[in-house]
């Protein structure tokens, strides 16, 4: 899996060429939503099959997003 940054500055995690999770530009009702774009919602989905190790990596990435309000940078 790998993190890529869109031309609008939002992070997304891909496996091969499929997006697994992406930061959303939608603004939620959170105190810091306007200060930290992409911190309110995530797009999750696609038809991507993940093994146990990849699920653990995704879990850690989602935990990082909850704690830091940005998806982490992942390498291959």
Protein backbone atom coordinates (compact mmCIF):
# COMPACT_ATOMS: atom_id res chain seq x y z
CA UNK A 1 0.00 0.00 0.00
CA UNK A 2 1.10 3.55 -0.64
CA UNK A 3 -0.07 7.03 0.35
CA UNK A 4 -0.50 9.57 -2.43
CA UNK A 5 -1.42 13.25 -2.13
CA UNK A 6 -4.05 14.62 -4.51
CA UNK A 7 -3.62 17.86 -6.44
CA UNK A 8 -5.94 19.43 -3.82
CA UNK A 9 -3.67 18.32 -0.95
CA UNK A 10 -5.75 15.43 0.41
CA UNK A 11 -4.06 12.13 1.29
CA UNK A 12 -5.30 8.79 0.00
CA UNK A 13 -4.08 5.23 0.43
CA UNK A 14 -3.89 2.95 -2.59
CA UNK A 15 -3.20 -0.73 -3.14
CA UNK A 16 -2.00 -1.25 -6.68
CA UNK A 17 -4.10 1.36 -8.49
CA UNK A 18 -7.23 1.11 -6.30
CA UNK A 19 -8.01 3.73 -3.67
CA UNK A 20 -8.82 2.13 -0.33
CA UNK A 21 -9.36 5.24 1.78
CA UNK A 22 -9.26 8.97 0.99
CA UNK A 23 -9.54 12.12 3.04
CA UNK A 24 -12.74 13.97 2.14
CA UNK A 25 -13.09 17.69 1.51
CA UNK A 26 -16.45 17.69 3.34
CA UNK A 27 -16.50 19.89 6.43
CA UNK A 28 -17.97 18.34 9.59
CA UNK A 29 -19.24 19.90 12.77
CA UNK A 30 -15.91 19.73 14.58
CA UNK A 31 -14.02 22.56 16.25
CA UNK A 32 -10.97 22.21 13.97
CA UNK A 33 -12.68 21.22 10.70
CA UNK A 34 -11.86 24.46 8.90
CA UNK A 35 -8.28 24.53 10.21
CA UNK A 36 -7.47 20.96 9.14
CA UNK A 37 -9.08 20.09 5.78
CA UNK A 38 -9.62 16.35 5.35
CA UNK A 39 -10.02 15.73 9.08
CA UNK A 40 -13.83 15.37 9.26
CA UNK A 41 -14.62 12.50 6.90
CA UNK A 42 -12.94 9.68 5.00
CA UNK A 43 -14.06 8.00 1.79
CA UNK A 44 -13.77 4.26 2.36
CA UNK A 45 -14.46 1.58 -0.17
CA UNK A 46 -13.79 0.07 -3.50
CA UNK A 47 -13.44 -3.54 -4.42
CA UNK A 48 -10.05 -4.17 -2.90
CA UNK A 49 -9.11 -7.42 -1.23
CA UNK A 50 -6.68 -7.06 1.68
CA UNK A 51 -4.78 -9.76 3.53
CA UNK A 52 -4.28 -9.80 7.31
CA UNK A 53 -1.06 -7.82 7.21
CA UNK A 54 -2.63 -5.16 4.97
CA UNK A 55 -5.68 -4.96 7.25
CA UNK A 56 -3.35 -4.32 10.20
CA UNK A 57 -1.56 -1.61 8.20
CA UNK A 58 -4.89 0.00 7.28
CA UNK A 59 -6.07 -0.21 10.90
CA UNK A 60 -2.92 1.60 12.01
CA UNK A 61 -3.39 4.22 9.30
CA UNK A 62 -6.99 4.85 10.38
CA UNK A 63 -5.93 5.10 14.02
CA UNK A 64 -3.28 7.61 12.97
CA UNK A 65 -5.96 9.66 11.15
CA UNK A 66 -8.17 9.68 14.25
CA UNK A 67 -5.30 10.83 16.47
CA UNK A 68 -3.53 13.23 14.06
CA UNK A 69 -6.31 14.27 11.66
CA UNK A 70 -4.22 13.26 8.60
CA UNK A 71 -3.57 9.92 6.95
CA UNK A 72 0.04 8.83 7.44
CA UNK A 73 2.55 8.59 4.62
CA UNK A 74 2.94 4.92 3.70
CA UNK A 75 5.52 3.39 1.36
CA UNK A 76 5.30 0.25 -0.72
